[in-house]
N, C-alpha and C. Protein backbone atom coordinates (compact mmCIF):
# COMPACT_ATOMS: atom_id res chain seq x y z
N MET A 1 2.36 -25.55 -0.70
CA MET A 1 2.11 -24.37 -1.53
C MET A 1 0.51 -23.83 -1.44
N GLN A 2 0.32 -22.83 -1.10
CA GLN A 2 -0.88 -22.14 -1.08
C GLN A 2 -1.48 -21.87 -2.45
N GLN A 3 -2.75 -22.31 -2.82
CA GLN A 3 -3.43 -22.08 -3.82
C GLN A 3 -3.86 -20.71 -4.04
N ASP A 4 -3.82 -19.88 -5.17
CA ASP A 4 -4.19 -18.50 -5.40
C ASP A 4 -5.77 -18.67 -5.74
N CYS A 5 -6.58 -18.16 -5.08
CA CYS A 5 -8.00 -18.10 -5.39
C CYS A 5 -8.60 -16.97 -5.46
N MET A 6 -9.76 -16.65 -6.05
CA MET A 6 -10.48 -15.49 -5.88
C MET A 6 -10.98 -15.19 -4.51
N THR A 7 -10.92 -13.95 -4.09
CA THR A 7 -11.31 -13.51 -2.90
C THR A 7 -12.79 -13.53 -2.73
N GLN A 8 -13.53 -14.09 -1.95
CA GLN A 8 -14.96 -14.17 -1.85
C GLN A 8 -15.43 -14.02 -0.41
N VAL A 9 -16.62 -13.34 -0.23
CA VAL A 9 -17.31 -13.39 1.02
C VAL A 9 -18.61 -14.05 0.57
N SER A 10 -19.35 -14.78 1.78
CA SER A 10 -20.31 -15.65 1.62
C SER A 10 -21.31 -14.66 1.48
N LYS A 11 -22.48 -14.88 0.70
CA LYS A 11 -23.59 -14.02 0.40
C LYS A 11 -24.57 -13.99 1.66
N TYR A 12 -24.51 -15.09 2.61
CA TYR A 12 -25.22 -15.19 3.76
C TYR A 12 -24.51 -14.56 5.02
N PRO A 13 -25.40 -13.45 5.45
CA PRO A 13 -24.62 -12.42 6.45
C PRO A 13 -24.61 -13.26 7.56
N LEU A 14 -23.66 -12.89 8.41
CA LEU A 14 -23.37 -13.23 9.89
C LEU A 14 -23.94 -12.30 10.91
N ARG A 15 -24.40 -13.01 12.00
CA ARG A 15 -24.90 -12.11 13.02
C ARG A 15 -23.98 -11.14 13.51
N LYS A 16 -24.38 -10.00 13.78
CA LYS A 16 -23.46 -8.75 14.16
C LYS A 16 -22.68 -9.18 15.20
N GLU A 17 -23.10 -9.78 16.39
CA GLU A 17 -22.12 -10.26 17.41
C GLU A 17 -20.95 -11.18 16.85
N ILE A 18 -21.27 -12.03 15.95
CA ILE A 18 -20.34 -12.98 15.43
C ILE A 18 -19.44 -12.17 14.67
N GLU A 19 -19.80 -11.37 13.90
CA GLU A 19 -18.82 -10.51 12.87
C GLU A 19 -17.96 -9.52 13.73
N GLN A 20 -18.62 -8.97 14.78
CA GLN A 20 -17.73 -8.12 15.77
C GLN A 20 -16.77 -8.88 16.40
N ARG A 21 -16.97 -10.13 16.97
CA ARG A 21 -16.01 -10.96 17.66
C ARG A 21 -14.91 -11.36 16.59
N MET A 22 -15.30 -11.76 15.38
CA MET A 22 -14.34 -12.01 14.34
C MET A 22 -13.49 -10.98 14.19
N PHE A 23 -13.84 -9.83 14.06
CA PHE A 23 -13.00 -8.65 13.90
C PHE A 23 -12.03 -8.38 14.97
N GLU A 24 -12.52 -8.68 16.30
CA GLU A 24 -11.86 -8.48 17.49
C GLU A 24 -10.62 -9.59 17.41
N VAL A 25 -10.91 -10.85 17.19
CA VAL A 25 -9.88 -11.86 17.02
C VAL A 25 -8.80 -11.20 16.09
N PHE A 26 -9.30 -11.02 14.88
CA PHE A 26 -8.32 -10.56 13.86
C PHE A 26 -7.35 -9.20 14.12
N LEU A 27 -8.06 -8.30 14.83
CA LEU A 27 -7.25 -7.28 15.35
C LEU A 27 -6.31 -7.54 16.37
N ASP A 28 -6.58 -8.41 17.15
CA ASP A 28 -6.00 -8.90 18.27
C ASP A 28 -4.55 -9.81 17.80
N SER A 29 -5.09 -10.66 16.80
CA SER A 29 -4.04 -11.36 16.19
C SER A 29 -2.86 -10.52 15.70
N ILE A 30 -3.16 -9.50 14.78
CA ILE A 30 -2.15 -8.43 14.16
C ILE A 30 -1.43 -7.92 15.28
N GLY A 31 -2.16 -7.54 16.34
CA GLY A 31 -1.39 -6.81 17.55
C GLY A 31 -0.57 -7.53 18.11
N MET A 32 -0.71 -8.98 18.09
CA MET A 32 0.18 -9.98 18.98
C MET A 32 1.59 -10.24 18.29
N VAL A 33 1.37 -10.10 16.84
CA VAL A 33 2.80 -10.37 16.17
C VAL A 33 3.88 -9.31 16.42
N THR A 34 4.93 -9.47 16.86
CA THR A 34 5.90 -8.54 17.10
C THR A 34 7.22 -8.72 16.30
N THR A 35 7.51 -9.81 15.64
CA THR A 35 8.90 -10.07 14.96
C THR A 35 8.29 -10.15 13.58
N ARG A 36 9.49 -9.68 12.72
CA ARG A 36 9.12 -9.45 11.24
C ARG A 36 8.81 -10.97 10.83
N ASP A 37 9.60 -11.93 11.25
CA ASP A 37 9.32 -13.43 10.93
C ASP A 37 7.90 -13.99 11.25
N HIS A 38 7.43 -13.58 12.48
CA HIS A 38 6.01 -13.85 12.88
C HIS A 38 5.00 -13.06 11.96
N VAL A 39 5.44 -11.98 11.64
CA VAL A 39 4.45 -11.13 10.82
C VAL A 39 4.37 -11.63 9.37
N GLN A 40 5.53 -12.24 8.85
CA GLN A 40 5.61 -12.92 7.57
C GLN A 40 4.68 -14.25 7.38
N LYS A 41 4.93 -15.06 8.63
CA LYS A 41 4.20 -16.17 8.62
C LYS A 41 2.63 -16.07 8.81
N LEU A 42 2.34 -15.02 9.62
CA LEU A 42 0.84 -14.60 9.69
C LEU A 42 0.24 -14.22 8.29
N ILE A 43 1.16 -13.26 7.70
CA ILE A 43 0.71 -12.77 6.51
C ILE A 43 0.57 -14.04 5.30
N ASP A 44 1.53 -14.82 5.42
CA ASP A 44 1.32 -16.03 4.41
C ASP A 44 0.21 -16.71 4.68
N ASP A 45 -0.02 -17.04 5.98
CA ASP A 45 -1.10 -18.00 6.17
C ASP A 45 -2.53 -17.24 6.00
N LEU A 46 -2.55 -15.99 6.18
CA LEU A 46 -3.91 -15.29 5.96
C LEU A 46 -4.27 -14.92 4.41
N PHE A 47 -3.39 -14.69 3.77
CA PHE A 47 -3.49 -13.92 2.53
C PHE A 47 -3.05 -14.94 1.28
N SER A 48 -3.74 -14.82 0.17
CA SER A 48 -3.18 -15.46 -0.94
C SER A 48 -2.12 -14.76 -1.61
N PRO A 49 -1.33 -15.13 -2.35
CA PRO A 49 -0.27 -14.59 -3.04
C PRO A 49 -0.74 -13.14 -3.73
N THR A 50 -1.93 -13.29 -4.40
CA THR A 50 -2.48 -12.20 -5.11
C THR A 50 -2.88 -11.12 -4.04
N GLU A 51 -3.28 -11.55 -2.95
CA GLU A 51 -3.89 -10.65 -1.94
C GLU A 51 -2.90 -9.90 -1.18
N ARG A 52 -1.63 -10.64 -1.06
CA ARG A 52 -0.31 -9.89 -0.53
C ARG A 52 0.32 -8.88 -1.45
N VAL A 53 0.18 -9.27 -2.77
CA VAL A 53 0.72 -8.41 -3.64
C VAL A 53 -0.14 -7.11 -3.72
N MET A 54 -1.53 -7.16 -3.69
CA MET A 54 -2.40 -6.29 -3.71
C MET A 54 -2.20 -5.40 -2.53
N ILE A 55 -2.20 -5.80 -1.41
CA ILE A 55 -1.74 -5.07 -0.02
C ILE A 55 -0.42 -4.54 -0.06
N ALA A 56 0.46 -5.11 -0.59
CA ALA A 56 1.75 -4.26 -0.62
C ALA A 56 1.94 -3.17 -1.65
N LYS A 57 1.03 -3.41 -2.78
CA LYS A 57 1.09 -2.36 -3.72
C LYS A 57 0.17 -1.11 -3.06
N ARG A 58 -0.86 -1.21 -2.31
CA ARG A 58 -1.40 -0.40 -1.62
C ARG A 58 -0.67 0.42 -0.81
N LEU A 59 0.05 -0.15 -0.01
CA LEU A 59 1.12 0.46 0.99
C LEU A 59 2.14 1.24 0.21
N SER A 60 2.63 0.80 -0.76
CA SER A 60 3.61 1.22 -1.61
C SER A 60 3.10 2.62 -2.12
N ILE A 61 2.07 2.50 -2.66
CA ILE A 61 1.27 3.79 -3.32
C ILE A 61 1.19 4.77 -2.25
N ALA A 62 0.73 4.62 -1.00
CA ALA A 62 0.78 5.57 -0.01
C ALA A 62 2.07 6.05 0.46
N LEU A 63 3.02 5.06 0.19
CA LEU A 63 4.47 5.66 0.66
C LEU A 63 4.86 6.68 -0.35
N LEU A 64 4.71 6.35 -1.68
CA LEU A 64 5.13 6.98 -2.84
C LEU A 64 4.49 8.39 -2.77
N LEU A 65 3.13 8.37 -2.47
CA LEU A 65 2.30 9.76 -2.39
C LEU A 65 2.78 10.59 -1.28
N LEU A 66 3.13 9.79 -0.19
CA LEU A 66 3.67 10.61 0.96
C LEU A 66 4.98 11.23 0.75
N LYS A 67 5.78 10.44 -0.09
CA LYS A 67 7.00 11.03 -0.57
C LYS A 67 6.95 12.01 -1.64
N LYS A 68 5.82 12.54 -2.15
CA LYS A 68 5.47 13.49 -3.12
C LYS A 68 5.67 13.11 -4.49
N TYR A 69 5.48 11.85 -4.90
CA TYR A 69 5.51 11.48 -6.02
C TYR A 69 4.08 11.58 -6.74
N ASP A 70 4.22 11.97 -8.06
CA ASP A 70 3.02 12.45 -8.55
C ASP A 70 2.12 11.08 -8.98
N GLN A 71 0.87 11.16 -9.05
CA GLN A 71 0.03 9.92 -9.09
C GLN A 71 0.25 9.23 -10.48
N ARG A 72 0.53 9.86 -11.58
CA ARG A 72 0.66 9.14 -12.70
C ARG A 72 2.22 8.34 -12.65
N THR A 73 3.09 8.98 -12.04
CA THR A 73 4.41 8.22 -11.91
C THR A 73 4.14 6.92 -11.00
N VAL A 74 3.24 7.07 -10.05
CA VAL A 74 3.19 6.05 -9.11
C VAL A 74 2.33 4.94 -9.80
N ALA A 75 1.45 5.23 -10.54
CA ALA A 75 0.58 4.42 -11.26
C ALA A 75 1.62 3.51 -12.47
N LYS A 76 2.43 4.24 -12.82
CA LYS A 76 3.45 3.78 -13.94
C LYS A 76 4.49 2.71 -13.33
N LEU A 77 5.03 3.23 -12.10
CA LEU A 77 5.90 2.50 -11.54
C LEU A 77 5.45 1.24 -10.75
N LEU A 78 4.29 1.10 -10.28
CA LEU A 78 3.84 0.03 -9.67
C LEU A 78 2.85 -0.88 -10.52
N LYS A 79 2.68 -0.35 -11.54
CA LYS A 79 1.85 -0.95 -12.58
C LYS A 79 0.39 -1.25 -12.06
N VAL A 80 -0.01 -0.21 -11.55
CA VAL A 80 -1.65 -0.02 -11.22
C VAL A 80 -2.25 1.20 -11.96
N SER A 81 -3.64 0.99 -11.86
CA SER A 81 -4.27 1.93 -12.52
C SER A 81 -4.39 3.13 -11.60
N LEU A 82 -4.70 4.36 -12.52
CA LEU A 82 -4.62 5.73 -11.82
C LEU A 82 -5.83 5.74 -10.94
N GLY A 83 -6.83 4.92 -11.19
CA GLY A 83 -7.95 4.69 -10.26
C GLY A 83 -7.59 3.98 -8.91
N THR A 84 -6.89 3.24 -8.99
CA THR A 84 -6.16 2.73 -7.69
C THR A 84 -5.35 3.80 -6.96
N VAL A 85 -4.62 4.32 -7.59
CA VAL A 85 -3.77 5.49 -6.98
C VAL A 85 -4.82 6.41 -6.22
N ASN A 86 -5.85 6.99 -7.04
CA ASN A 86 -6.63 7.95 -6.52
C ASN A 86 -7.50 7.45 -5.29
N LYS A 87 -7.74 6.06 -5.26
CA LYS A 87 -8.46 5.49 -4.08
C LYS A 87 -7.58 5.60 -2.90
N VAL A 88 -6.25 5.35 -3.11
CA VAL A 88 -5.49 5.42 -1.90
C VAL A 88 -5.18 6.72 -1.55
N SER A 89 -5.07 7.71 -2.37
CA SER A 89 -4.91 9.16 -2.22
C SER A 89 -6.17 9.59 -1.42
N LEU A 90 -7.27 9.28 -1.81
CA LEU A 90 -8.44 9.53 -1.00
C LEU A 90 -8.44 9.00 0.38
N LEU A 91 -7.95 7.75 0.57
CA LEU A 91 -7.79 7.23 1.75
C LEU A 91 -6.84 7.97 2.58
N LEU A 92 -5.74 8.55 2.24
CA LEU A 92 -4.75 9.31 2.90
C LEU A 92 -5.43 10.61 3.41
N GLN A 93 -6.28 11.15 2.53
CA GLN A 93 -6.86 12.55 2.85
C GLN A 93 -8.17 12.37 3.84
N LYS A 94 -8.86 11.28 3.69
CA LYS A 94 -9.97 11.13 4.27
C LYS A 94 -10.14 9.86 5.13
N GLY A 95 -9.31 9.02 5.04
CA GLY A 95 -9.50 7.67 5.88
C GLY A 95 -9.17 7.78 7.37
N SER A 96 -9.22 6.69 8.03
CA SER A 96 -8.92 6.80 9.32
C SER A 96 -7.50 7.03 9.90
N GLY A 97 -6.45 7.21 8.89
CA GLY A 97 -5.21 7.41 9.34
C GLY A 97 -4.25 6.38 9.63
N GLY A 98 -4.74 5.36 9.28
CA GLY A 98 -3.76 4.15 9.44
C GLY A 98 -2.69 3.95 8.36
N PHE A 99 -2.88 4.35 7.24
CA PHE A 99 -1.76 4.27 6.31
C PHE A 99 -0.73 5.34 6.82
N GLU A 100 -1.10 6.46 7.12
CA GLU A 100 -0.22 7.61 7.56
C GLU A 100 0.54 7.14 8.89
N ILE A 101 -0.07 6.41 9.77
CA ILE A 101 0.65 5.89 10.92
C ILE A 101 1.84 5.02 10.54
N VAL A 102 1.54 4.05 9.70
CA VAL A 102 2.52 3.08 9.29
C VAL A 102 3.78 3.74 8.33
N ILE A 103 3.19 4.41 7.32
CA ILE A 103 4.19 5.17 6.44
C ILE A 103 4.96 6.14 7.10
N ASN A 104 4.35 6.84 7.77
CA ASN A 104 5.34 7.85 8.63
C ASN A 104 6.23 7.14 9.73
N ALA A 105 5.98 6.06 10.03
CA ALA A 105 7.01 5.33 10.95
C ALA A 105 8.19 4.66 9.93
N ILE A 106 7.68 4.32 8.71
CA ILE A 106 8.72 3.84 7.79
C ILE A 106 9.61 4.95 7.22
N LEU A 107 9.08 6.22 7.00
CA LEU A 107 9.76 7.45 6.71
C LEU A 107 10.73 7.68 7.81
N LYS A 108 10.29 7.73 8.99
CA LYS A 108 11.07 8.18 10.13
C LYS A 108 12.15 7.26 10.16
N GLN A 109 12.20 5.90 9.88
CA GLN A 109 13.21 4.92 9.94
C GLN A 109 14.16 5.06 8.92
N GLU A 110 13.69 5.43 7.65
CA GLU A 110 14.55 5.62 6.66
C GLU A 110 15.45 6.98 6.73
N LYS A 111 14.72 8.02 7.21
CA LYS A 111 15.47 9.22 7.63
C LYS A 111 16.68 8.84 8.83
N PHE A 112 16.32 8.08 9.64
CA PHE A 112 17.43 7.71 10.59
C PHE A 112 18.44 7.02 10.24
N ASN A 113 18.21 5.90 9.17
CA ASN A 113 19.10 5.19 8.44
C ASN A 113 19.94 6.09 7.73
N ASP A 114 19.39 7.13 6.99
CA ASP A 114 20.22 8.08 6.13
C ASP A 114 21.01 8.97 6.97
N PHE A 115 20.50 9.21 8.32
CA PHE A 115 21.46 10.12 9.18
C PHE A 115 22.44 9.16 9.47
N LEU A 116 22.39 7.81 9.92
CA LEU A 116 23.49 7.06 10.28
C LEU A 116 24.52 6.91 9.08
N GLU A 117 23.94 6.75 7.86
CA GLU A 117 24.88 6.60 6.79
C GLU A 117 25.62 7.87 6.60
N LYS A 118 25.18 9.10 6.72
CA LYS A 118 25.93 10.29 6.52
C LYS A 118 26.96 10.31 7.84
N ILE A 119 26.70 9.95 8.98
CA ILE A 119 27.82 9.88 9.84
C ILE A 119 28.81 9.08 9.48
N ASP A 120 28.56 7.79 9.03
CA ASP A 120 29.52 6.73 8.61
C ASP A 120 30.31 7.49 7.44
N ASP A 121 29.75 8.14 6.49
CA ASP A 121 30.64 8.74 5.47
C ASP A 121 31.50 9.82 5.95
N THR A 122 31.01 10.73 7.03
CA THR A 122 31.88 11.69 7.40
C THR A 122 32.92 11.06 8.15
N ILE A 123 32.76 10.05 8.89
CA ILE A 123 33.91 9.41 9.62
C ILE A 123 34.95 8.64 8.84
N ALA A 124 34.26 8.13 7.70
CA ALA A 124 35.05 7.55 6.67
C ALA A 124 35.96 8.51 5.86
N ASN A 125 35.56 9.72 5.74
CA ASN A 125 36.36 10.74 5.07
C ASN A 125 37.45 11.36 5.87
N ILE A 126 37.17 11.13 7.23
CA ILE A 126 38.34 11.71 8.09
C ILE A 126 39.31 10.56 8.86
N MET A 127 38.90 9.45 8.64
CA MET A 127 39.54 8.50 9.30
C MET A 127 40.27 7.68 8.19
N PRO A 128 41.34 6.96 8.49
CA PRO A 128 42.14 6.05 7.50
C PRO A 128 41.44 4.94 7.47
N PRO A 129 41.65 4.24 6.19
CA PRO A 129 41.05 2.90 6.26
C PRO A 129 41.56 1.95 7.23
N PRO A 130 40.81 0.75 7.51
CA PRO A 130 41.13 -0.11 8.40
C PRO A 130 42.65 -0.79 8.02
N LYS A 131 43.42 -1.15 8.98
CA LYS A 131 44.71 -1.70 8.99
C LYS A 131 44.63 -2.75 7.93
N GLY A 132 45.82 -2.82 6.93
CA GLY A 132 45.66 -3.77 5.98
C GLY A 132 45.16 -3.58 4.54
N SER A 133 44.31 -2.52 4.70
CA SER A 133 43.57 -2.51 3.21
C SER A 133 43.84 -1.18 2.79
N ASP A 134 43.80 -0.97 1.45
CA ASP A 134 44.24 0.36 0.83
C ASP A 134 43.11 0.95 0.53
N TRP A 135 43.24 2.40 0.21
CA TRP A 135 42.02 3.39 0.00
C TRP A 135 41.23 2.86 -1.09
N LYS A 136 41.75 2.69 -1.99
CA LYS A 136 40.86 2.28 -3.22
C LYS A 136 39.93 0.95 -2.86
N HIS A 137 40.44 -0.03 -2.47
CA HIS A 137 39.69 -1.25 -2.15
C HIS A 137 38.72 -1.03 -1.08
N TRP A 138 39.19 -0.21 -0.04
CA TRP A 138 38.20 0.26 1.24
C TRP A 138 36.94 1.13 0.62
N ARG A 139 37.27 1.98 -0.24
CA ARG A 139 36.26 3.01 -0.63
C ARG A 139 35.17 2.13 -1.66
N ARG A 140 35.88 0.98 -2.42
CA ARG A 140 34.98 0.38 -3.48
C ARG A 140 33.91 -0.42 -2.57
N GLU A 141 34.54 -0.89 -1.54
CA GLU A 141 33.86 -1.89 -0.54
C GLU A 141 32.61 -0.98 -0.12
N ARG A 142 32.87 0.07 0.34
CA ARG A 142 31.90 1.15 1.05
C ARG A 142 30.76 1.49 -0.01
N TRP A 143 31.34 1.62 -1.27
CA TRP A 143 30.21 2.14 -2.22
C TRP A 143 29.36 0.83 -2.58
N GLU A 144 30.05 -0.30 -2.74
CA GLU A 144 29.28 -1.38 -3.17
C GLU A 144 28.23 -2.01 -2.05
N ALA A 145 28.50 -1.64 -0.82
CA ALA A 145 27.57 -1.87 0.51
C ALA A 145 26.41 -0.59 0.53
N LYS A 146 26.85 0.60 -0.06
CA LYS A 146 25.89 1.48 -0.03
C LYS A 146 24.76 1.20 -1.31
N ILE A 147 25.52 0.79 -2.39
CA ILE A 147 24.73 0.19 -3.56
C ILE A 147 23.58 -0.81 -3.04
N ARG A 148 24.21 -1.76 -2.51
CA ARG A 148 23.32 -3.09 -1.78
C ARG A 148 22.11 -2.75 -0.88
N ASN A 149 22.36 -1.62 -0.13
CA ASN A 149 21.41 -1.14 0.73
C ASN A 149 20.21 -0.30 0.26
N GLN A 150 20.59 0.38 -0.99
CA GLN A 150 19.59 1.29 -1.56
C GLN A 150 18.11 0.54 -1.84
N LYS A 151 17.24 1.47 -1.49
CA LYS A 151 15.68 0.98 -1.80
C LYS A 151 15.41 1.66 -3.16
N PRO A 152 14.51 0.94 -3.98
CA PRO A 152 13.85 1.47 -5.10
C PRO A 152 13.22 2.67 -5.17
N PHE A 153 12.53 3.00 -3.99
CA PHE A 153 11.85 4.19 -3.83
C PHE A 153 11.59 4.55 -2.34
């Protein structure tokens, strides 16, 4: 089990070419992971539990802000300071666009999933339930599946 420790950077500066190469390796490493399982393993190895929560909260703040939640609601929901929400909001406005690329992809996937669910609901309303099952039981199963797949935000 990984120890949770304070994040620190050495007070001794690196040569610029070494620092640049370090970031190249870091960026290439992130770009090479293509499956969710590999991403999970890399994140588990790279970041402490506290760092993982911190990064996940920042992404969640950006997601909620792009979904038009107000800043106070975001702060209360995610148990972060209003200052943290403000910093992420500023990054969304004036940053390099990284948050928006990722969050827009997530929102696009959510909209696609909602679209598929609406098609499924429409078909369910015009088609009879599968053979051997009654309407009440079938509709309850569909409702329970829908509840299981709901996201908190």
